């Protein structure tokens, strides 16, 4: 016995079976996301990060493998091996150059703090003691100390020795507890470093397999689109890919330029750890305003500490701080009005005025998040408008 249910238009229209079957999986998906959002997000985060890196590196793999060439083609896995080996070599060279220099700067700065800056601060406090004491304890003469002894001599008797021991043992317990806290902090730090290493190793493995089958992944996505709309969808996604990819490459170029300028400027001004300050500014430069803050804050703190060095007594702290802040302001002005509009205009093929206007509008609508997403959203909207205009033109031509 065969049972047939007609879900088409000729069946019973009292209940929308087709729309119900389409809508039911979406309901289950929404409920699952609501109930298990944390574990789902934690599970999918390495895949999302790996996809971002795979998307950025896929043009390099396409170029090395020669997918658009008929001759001199290379196996995609071999191209991936060359890319990963090149990245590993670059990281090794950079760490080999930077780590010894940063380690030497750290040792020199620690020795300067211990041997010069801290003793100088102690000496200044000793010199200020005679000036501060009359304001804190007026008329602190011999009579004052005698009266203080008479009022508190009971605390100095032998009977209170047990209390002193009790307080001493309590203090020792607090010290031991503090040592345990330090050990716990070290354990958590090492555990965090190990977890981060495992996480990024997992991201690298997922990224490798994504890059290995990226073309198949794109074909699978295109296969979900109806065949009549597939060429148009490919063209549409290709334009978005070029626009968003150009934006990411342009933003990376801007961050690299700004980080280099900050590092060189801080080194010329004699600020310690100038390389780290430049790297921090470049790495956090993708988020508007966060890059300058991450660079300026340690630069100001290190400038203040460096000014306490006895060998720098001839320099003025106010002038040093003014120079550091002034350099950051000049670099940020150059980024906002010259570097970023110029690079973005060439990378995304957008007018510098449009870039500045999009950033200002995105910041006004959604703050920092809006500024980060302003140019990608503009690129997508531009492609949509172009496709809509082509549709109108083709419709007018056929009519």
Protein backbone atom coordinates (compact mmCIF):
# COMPACT_ATOMS: atom_id res chain seq x y z
CA UNK A 1 0.00 0.00 0.00
CA UNK A 2 1.53 3.30 -1.11
CA UNK A 3 0.63 6.58 0.59
CA UNK A 4 1.13 9.80 -1.34
CA UNK A 5 0.86 13.31 0.04
CA UNK A 6 0.47 16.14 -2.43
CA UNK A 7 2.54 19.17 -1.33
CA UNK A 8 1.92 21.01 -4.57
CA UNK A 9 -0.61 23.59 -5.53
CA UNK A 10 -3.16 21.01 -6.59
CA UNK A 11 -3.52 19.42 -3.15
CA UNK A 12 -5.43 20.45 -0.08
CA UNK A 13 -4.79 24.13 0.54
CA UNK A 14 -6.19 24.09 4.07
CA UNK A 15 -2.68 23.69 5.53
CA UNK A 16 0.55 25.06 3.96
CA UNK A 17 2.57 21.81 4.10
CA UNK A 18 5.41 23.04 1.91
CA UNK A 19 6.02 26.23 3.87
CA UNK A 20 5.69 24.28 7.10
CA UNK A 21 8.43 21.85 6.02
CA UNK A 22 10.64 24.75 4.98
CA UNK A 23 10.02 26.68 8.19
CA UNK A 24 10.37 23.80 10.68
CA UNK A 25 14.16 23.29 10.29
CA UNK A 26 14.69 27.01 10.74
CA UNK A 27 12.74 26.88 14.02
CA UNK A 28 14.86 23.97 15.28
CA UNK A 29 18.02 25.81 14.23
CA UNK A 30 16.93 28.99 16.06
CA UNK A 31 16.09 27.02 19.23
CA UNK A 32 19.43 25.19 19.11
CA UNK A 33 21.33 28.45 18.69
CA UNK A 34 19.42 29.99 21.60
CA UNK A 35 19.96 27.06 23.98
CA UNK A 36 23.52 26.09 23.07
CA UNK A 37 24.94 29.36 21.74
CA UNK A 38 28.04 29.26 23.98
CA UNK A 39 29.22 25.73 23.10
CA UNK A 40 28.29 26.24 19.43
CA UNK A 41 30.24 29.49 19.26
CA UNK A 42 33.21 27.92 21.03
CA UNK A 43 33.18 24.99 18.60
CA UNK A 44 32.78 27.07 15.46
CA UNK A 45 35.25 29.84 16.37
CA UNK A 46 38.37 27.98 15.09
CA UNK A 47 36.54 27.17 11.85
CA UNK A 48 35.51 30.82 11.42
CA UNK A 49 39.05 32.08 12.08
CA UNK A 50 40.51 29.43 9.76
CA UNK A 51 38.06 30.48 7.04
CA UNK A 52 39.14 34.13 7.35
CA UNK A 53 42.81 33.17 6.97
CA UNK A 54 41.99 30.77 4.14
CA UNK A 55 40.04 33.49 2.35
CA UNK A 56 43.00 35.88 2.66
CA UNK A 57 45.61 33.33 1.55
CA UNK A 58 43.60 31.65 -1.23
CA UNK A 59 44.69 34.16 -3.95
CA UNK A 60 48.33 33.28 -3.21
CA UNK A 61 47.56 29.55 -3.51
CA UNK A 62 45.66 30.16 -6.76
CA UNK A 63 48.65 32.06 -8.14
CA UNK A 64 51.19 29.41 -7.08
CA UNK A 65 49.10 26.49 -8.30
CA UNK A 66 48.34 28.30 -11.58
CA UNK A 67 44.63 27.50 -11.67
CA UNK A 68 44.10 30.25 -14.24
CA UNK A 69 47.04 29.10 -16.38
CA UNK A 70 47.24 26.28 -18.88
CA UNK A 71 50.98 25.71 -18.46
CA UNK A 72 53.35 25.60 -15.49
CA UNK A 73 50.60 24.42 -13.18
CA UNK A 74 51.48 23.15 -9.71
CA UNK A 75 49.61 20.75 -7.48
CA UNK A 76 47.59 22.66 -4.89
CA UNK A 77 49.02 20.64 -2.01
CA UNK A 78 52.58 21.42 -3.13
CA UNK A 79 51.68 25.12 -3.36
CA UNK A 80 50.29 24.93 0.17
CA UNK A 81 53.52 23.36 1.39
CA UNK A 82 55.56 26.17 -0.19
CA UNK A 83 53.29 28.81 1.41
CA UNK A 84 53.41 27.28 4.90
CA UNK A 85 57.18 26.80 4.67
CA UNK A 86 57.63 30.42 3.56
CA UNK A 87 55.48 31.68 6.45
CA UNK A 88 57.47 29.55 8.90
CA UNK A 89 60.78 30.86 7.53
CA UNK A 90 59.59 34.49 7.73
CA UNK A 91 58.35 34.03 11.32
CA UNK A 92 61.63 32.37 12.31
CA UNK A 93 63.72 35.16 10.77
CA UNK A 94 61.58 37.90 12.35
CA UNK A 95 61.67 36.24 15.77
CA UNK A 96 65.40 35.60 15.42
CA UNK A 97 65.97 39.31 14.82
CA UNK A 98 63.39 40.80 17.20
CA UNK A 99 63.49 38.46 20.20
CA UNK A 100 67.21 38.97 21.05
CA UNK A 101 66.86 42.73 20.63
CA UNK A 102 63.71 42.91 22.77
CA UNK A 103 65.27 40.61 25.38
CA UNK A 104 68.38 42.81 25.56
CA UNK A 105 66.22 45.93 25.89
CA UNK A 106 64.26 44.24 28.69
CA UNK A 107 67.44 43.31 30.57
CA UNK A 108 68.90 46.80 30.15
CA UNK A 109 65.67 48.46 31.27
CA UNK A 110 65.34 46.16 34.31
CA UNK A 111 68.93 46.87 35.34
CA UNK A 112 68.37 50.59 34.90
CA UNK A 113 65.24 50.42 37.07
CA UNK A 114 67.03 48.46 39.80
CA UNK A 115 70.36 50.26 39.81
CA UNK A 116 69.45 53.84 38.90
CA UNK A 117 65.75 54.76 38.86
CA UNK A 118 64.57 53.02 42.06
CA UNK A 119 67.56 54.22 44.18
CA UNK A 120 66.98 57.73 42.88
CA UNK A 121 63.30 57.56 43.90
CA UNK A 122 64.30 56.33 47.36
CA UNK A 123 66.78 59.17 47.70
CA UNK A 124 64.14 61.70 46.67
CA UNK A 125 61.73 60.30 49.25
CA UNK A 126 64.39 60.52 51.97
CA UNK A 127 65.13 64.11 51.03
CA UNK A 128 61.43 64.97 51.14
CA UNK A 129 60.93 63.33 54.55
CA UNK A 130 61.99 66.39 56.56
CA UNK A 131 59.68 68.59 54.46
CA UNK A 132 56.63 66.32 54.76
CA UNK A 133 56.93 65.38 58.47
CA UNK A 134 55.95 68.79 59.95
CA UNK A 135 52.79 68.76 57.81
CA UNK A 136 51.81 65.24 58.89
CA UNK A 137 52.85 65.40 62.61
CA UNK A 138 52.98 69.03 63.80
CA UNK A 139 55.49 69.80 66.55
CA UNK A 140 56.95 66.27 66.50
CA UNK A 141 59.53 66.93 69.25
CA UNK A 142 60.77 64.82 72.17
CA UNK A 143 57.67 65.56 74.25
CA UNK A 144 55.49 64.19 71.46
CA UNK A 145 57.38 60.89 71.35
CA UNK A 146 57.38 60.60 75.16
CA UNK A 147 53.62 61.08 75.28
CA UNK A 148 53.20 58.53 72.49
CA UNK A 149 55.20 56.00 74.52
CA UNK A 150 53.20 56.59 77.71
CA UNK A 151 49.94 55.99 75.91
CA UNK A 152 51.08 52.78 74.18
CA UNK A 153 53.60 51.24 76.60
CA UNK A 154 51.11 48.48 77.52
CA UNK A 155 51.52 47.13 74.01
CA UNK A 156 55.25 46.68 74.64
CA UNK A 157 54.91 44.37 77.67
CA UNK A 158 55.81 40.68 77.66
CA UNK A 159 52.15 39.67 78.04
CA UNK A 160 51.47 40.92 74.53
CA UNK A 161 54.27 38.85 73.07
CA UNK A 162 51.84 35.99 72.34
CA UNK A 163 49.69 38.41 70.37
CA UNK A 164 52.73 39.48 68.41
CA UNK A 165 53.48 35.82 67.64
CA UNK A 166 49.86 35.26 66.62
CA UNK A 167 49.96 38.21 64.28
CA UNK A 168 53.31 36.98 62.99
CA UNK A 169 51.91 33.54 62.20
CA UNK A 170 48.92 35.15 60.54
CA UNK A 171 51.27 37.23 58.46
CA UNK A 172 53.25 34.10 57.54
CA UNK A 173 50.00 32.43 56.53
CA UNK A 174 49.12 35.41 54.37
CA UNK A 175 52.57 35.24 52.77
CA UNK A 176 52.12 31.53 52.10
CA UNK A 177 48.68 32.20 50.68
CA UNK A 178 50.17 34.90 48.48
CA UNK A 179 52.85 32.48 47.30
CA UNK A 180 50.13 29.98 46.49
CA UNK A 181 48.34 32.70 44.56
CA UNK A 182 51.50 33.42 42.59
CA UNK A 183 51.89 29.72 41.84
CA UNK A 184 48.25 29.56 40.77
CA UNK A 185 48.75 32.58 38.53
CA UNK A 186 51.81 30.96 36.95
CA UNK A 187 49.87 27.73 36.41
CA UNK A 188 46.97 29.60 34.82
CA UNK A 189 49.36 31.58 32.62
CA UNK A 190 51.16 28.45 31.42
CA UNK A 191 47.83 26.73 30.89
CA UNK A 192 46.59 29.70 28.88
CA UNK A 193 49.72 29.68 26.73
CA UNK A 194 49.34 25.94 26.12
CA UNK A 195 45.63 26.33 25.28
CA UNK A 196 46.41 29.17 22.87
CA UNK A 197 49.07 27.03 21.20
CA UNK A 198 46.64 24.12 20.79
CA UNK A 199 43.91 26.47 19.51
CA UNK A 200 46.08 28.10 16.84
CA UNK A 201 47.52 24.72 15.84
CA UNK A 202 43.95 23.53 15.28
CA UNK A 203 43.23 26.69 13.28
CA UNK A 204 46.31 26.02 11.12
CA UNK A 205 45.22 22.42 10.42
CA UNK A 206 41.66 23.48 9.54
CA UNK A 207 42.99 26.29 7.35
CA UNK A 208 45.26 23.81 5.52
CA UNK A 209 42.35 21.55 4.57
CA UNK A 210 40.14 24.52 3.68
CA UNK A 211 42.81 25.88 1.34
CA UNK A 212 43.33 22.41 -0.12
CA UNK A 213 39.64 22.18 -1.11
CA UNK A 214 38.77 25.86 -1.44
CA UNK A 215 37.83 25.55 -5.12
CA UNK A 216 35.55 22.60 -4.34
CA UNK A 217 34.01 24.60 -1.51
CA UNK A 218 33.22 27.48 -3.87
CA UNK A 219 31.73 25.09 -6.44
CA UNK A 220 29.55 23.54 -3.72
CA UNK A 221 28.27 27.00 -2.74
CA UNK A 222 27.54 27.81 -6.38
CA UNK A 223 25.71 24.49 -6.69
CA UNK A 224 23.18 25.62 -4.08
CA UNK A 225 22.05 28.42 -6.40
CA UNK A 226 19.51 27.61 -9.15
CA UNK A 227 21.20 27.09 -12.50
CA UNK A 228 19.45 30.01 -14.18
CA UNK A 229 20.84 32.44 -11.59
CA UNK A 230 24.27 30.82 -11.24
CA UNK A 231 26.25 32.98 -13.73
CA UNK A 232 24.82 36.14 -12.25
CA UNK A 233 25.53 34.93 -8.71
CA UNK A 234 29.14 34.08 -9.66
CA UNK A 235 29.66 37.53 -11.12
CA UNK A 236 28.06 39.16 -8.08
CA UNK A 237 30.19 37.20 -5.57
CA UNK A 238 33.32 37.80 -7.64
CA UNK A 239 32.83 41.57 -7.46
CA UNK A 240 32.20 41.41 -3.71
CA UNK A 241 35.28 39.22 -3.32
CA UNK A 242 37.46 41.73 -5.17
CA UNK A 243 36.05 44.68 -3.23
CA UNK A 244 36.25 43.15 0.27
CA UNK A 245 39.62 41.53 -0.46
CA UNK A 246 40.95 44.86 -1.70
CA UNK A 247 39.71 46.52 1.49
CA UNK A 248 41.44 43.96 3.73
CA UNK A 249 44.69 44.23 1.79
CA UNK A 250 44.48 48.02 1.87
CA UNK A 251 43.80 48.09 5.61
CA UNK A 252 46.73 45.75 6.23
CA UNK A 253 48.95 48.06 4.16
CA UNK A 254 47.80 51.10 6.16
CA UNK A 255 48.45 49.33 9.48
CA UNK A 256 51.92 48.27 8.34
CA UNK A 257 52.81 51.82 7.24
CA UNK A 258 51.52 53.39 10.47
CA UNK A 259 53.23 50.78 12.66
CA UNK A 260 56.53 51.32 10.85
CA UNK A 261 56.28 55.10 11.23
CA UNK A 262 55.47 54.78 14.95
CA UNK A 263 58.33 52.34 15.58
CA UNK A 264 60.90 54.48 13.76
CA UNK A 265 59.68 57.68 15.46
CA UNK A 266 59.79 56.16 18.94
CA UNK A 267 63.29 54.81 18.28
CA UNK A 268 64.48 58.25 17.16
CA UNK A 269 62.98 59.81 20.31
CA UNK A 270 64.79 57.25 22.48
CA UNK A 271 61.65 55.56 23.86
CA UNK A 272 62.40 52.01 25.12
CA UNK A 273 60.78 49.06 23.34
CA UNK A 274 60.11 51.13 20.21
CA UNK A 275 59.76 47.96 18.10
CA UNK A 276 57.07 46.52 20.38
CA UNK A 277 55.20 49.83 20.40
CA UNK A 278 55.22 49.89 16.59
CA UNK A 279 54.07 46.26 16.39
CA UNK A 280 51.25 46.89 18.87
CA UNK A 281 50.09 49.93 16.92
CA UNK A 282 50.09 47.92 13.67
CA UNK A 283 48.35 44.82 15.08
CA UNK A 284 45.55 46.78 16.77
CA UNK A 285 45.30 49.28 13.91
CA UNK A 286 42.47 47.32 12.27
CA UNK A 287 40.18 48.67 15.01
CA UNK A 288 39.85 52.47 14.75
CA UNK A 289 41.24 54.40 17.73
CA UNK A 290 42.48 51.22 19.46
CA UNK A 291 45.80 51.14 17.59
CA UNK A 292 46.87 54.65 18.67
CA UNK A 293 45.78 53.97 22.27
CA UNK A 294 47.73 50.69 22.40
CA UNK A 295 50.80 52.51 21.10
CA UNK A 296 50.56 55.84 22.91
CA UNK A 297 49.85 54.49 26.42
CA UNK A 298 53.05 52.42 26.83
CA UNK A 299 55.05 55.13 25.05
CA UNK A 300 53.96 57.75 27.61
CA UNK A 301 54.58 55.43 30.59
CA UNK A 302 58.04 54.44 29.34
CA UNK A 303 58.91 58.07 28.62
CA UNK A 304 58.04 59.01 32.21
CA UNK A 305 60.16 56.16 33.61
CA UNK A 306 63.03 56.99 31.26
CA UNK A 307 62.99 60.62 32.42
CA UNK A 308 63.78 59.43 35.97
CA UNK A 309 67.14 58.09 34.81
CA UNK A 310 69.89 60.23 36.43
CA UNK A 311 71.74 60.30 33.11
CA UNK A 312 68.75 62.10 31.54
CA UNK A 313 68.51 64.91 34.07
CA UNK A 314 69.29 67.48 31.39
CA UNK A 315 66.08 66.70 29.48
CA UNK A 316 62.64 67.98 30.39
CA UNK A 317 59.82 65.51 31.00
CA UNK A 318 57.24 67.92 29.63
CA UNK A 319 59.16 68.35 26.38
CA UNK A 320 59.66 64.59 26.02
CA UNK A 321 55.96 63.89 26.56
CA UNK A 322 55.01 66.69 24.18
CA UNK A 323 57.26 65.19 21.50
CA UNK A 324 55.84 61.67 21.95
CA UNK A 325 52.20 62.81 21.92
CA UNK A 326 52.87 65.22 19.06
CA UNK A 327 54.41 62.48 16.91
CA UNK A 328 51.40 60.22 17.51
CA UNK A 329 49.00 63.04 16.64
CA UNK A 330 50.89 63.83 13.42
CA UNK A 331 50.98 60.17 12.37
CA UNK A 332 47.27 59.74 13.05
CA UNK A 333 46.46 62.89 11.09
CA UNK A 334 48.59 61.61 8.21
CA UNK A 335 46.78 58.26 8.37
CA UNK A 336 43.31 59.77 8.44
CA UNK A 337 43.77 62.43 5.78
CA UNK A 338 46.52 61.06 3.53
CA UNK A 339 47.60 57.42 3.93
CA UNK A 340 44.26 55.67 4.49
CA UNK A 341 42.24 57.52 1.81
CA UNK A 342 45.02 57.12 -0.77
CA UNK A 343 45.65 53.42 -0.12
CA UNK A 344 41.95 52.59 0.14
CA UNK A 345 41.18 54.47 -3.05
CA UNK A 346 43.72 52.35 -4.93
CA UNK A 347 42.81 49.04 -3.23
CA UNK A 348 39.02 49.32 -3.35
CA UNK A 349 38.74 51.75 -6.30
CA UNK A 350 36.86 54.26 -4.15
CA UNK A 351 37.32 58.00 -3.96
CA UNK A 352 39.16 59.21 -0.83
CA UNK A 353 36.20 61.49 -0.06
CA UNK A 354 33.88 58.47 -0.15
CA UNK A 355 36.22 56.57 2.20
CA UNK A 356 36.30 59.45 4.69
CA UNK A 357 32.54 59.93 4.45
CA UNK A 358 31.86 56.21 4.93
CA UNK A 359 34.11 56.07 8.00
CA UNK A 360 32.44 59.13 9.53
CA UNK A 361 28.94 57.80 8.79
CA UNK A 362 29.78 54.34 10.15
CA UNK A 363 31.22 55.87 13.31
CA UNK A 364 28.13 58.03 13.80
CA UNK A 365 25.79 55.04 13.37
CA UNK A 366 27.57 52.23 15.24
CA UNK A 367 30.73 53.69 16.77
CA UNK A 368 33.96 51.74 16.38
CA UNK A 369 32.15 48.68 14.96
CA UNK A 370 30.54 50.87 12.33
CA UNK A 371 33.91 52.31 11.33
CA UNK A 372 35.36 48.79 10.96
CA UNK A 373 32.44 47.64 8.78
CA UNK A 374 31.88 50.90 6.88
CA UNK A 375 34.04 50.19 3.82
CA UNK A 376 33.02 46.49 3.41
CA UNK A 377 29.33 47.44 3.69
CA UNK A 378 29.85 50.20 1.14
CA UNK A 379 31.54 47.74 -1.24
CA UNK A 380 28.63 45.28 -0.97
CA UNK A 381 26.05 48.03 -1.45
CA UNK A 382 27.94 49.33 -4.47
CA UNK A 383 27.90 45.89 -6.10
CA UNK A 384 24.18 45.50 -5.34
CA UNK A 385 23.39 48.88 -6.90
CA UNK A 386 25.45 48.04 -9.98
CA UNK A 387 23.62 44.74 -10.42
CA UNK A 388 20.28 46.47 -9.96
CA UNK A 389 21.18 49.05 -12.61
CA UNK A 390 22.24 46.30 -15.01
CA UNK A 391 18.92 44.57 -14.39
CA UNK A 392 17.03 47.78 -15.15
CA UNK A 393 19.09 48.37 -18.30
CA UNK A 394 18.53 44.83 -19.59
CA UNK A 395 14.81 45.06 -18.83
CA UNK A 396 14.57 48.38 -20.68
CA UNK A 397 16.48 46.95 -23.67
CA UNK A 398 14.23 43.89 -23.95
CA UNK A 399 11.08 45.99 -23.69
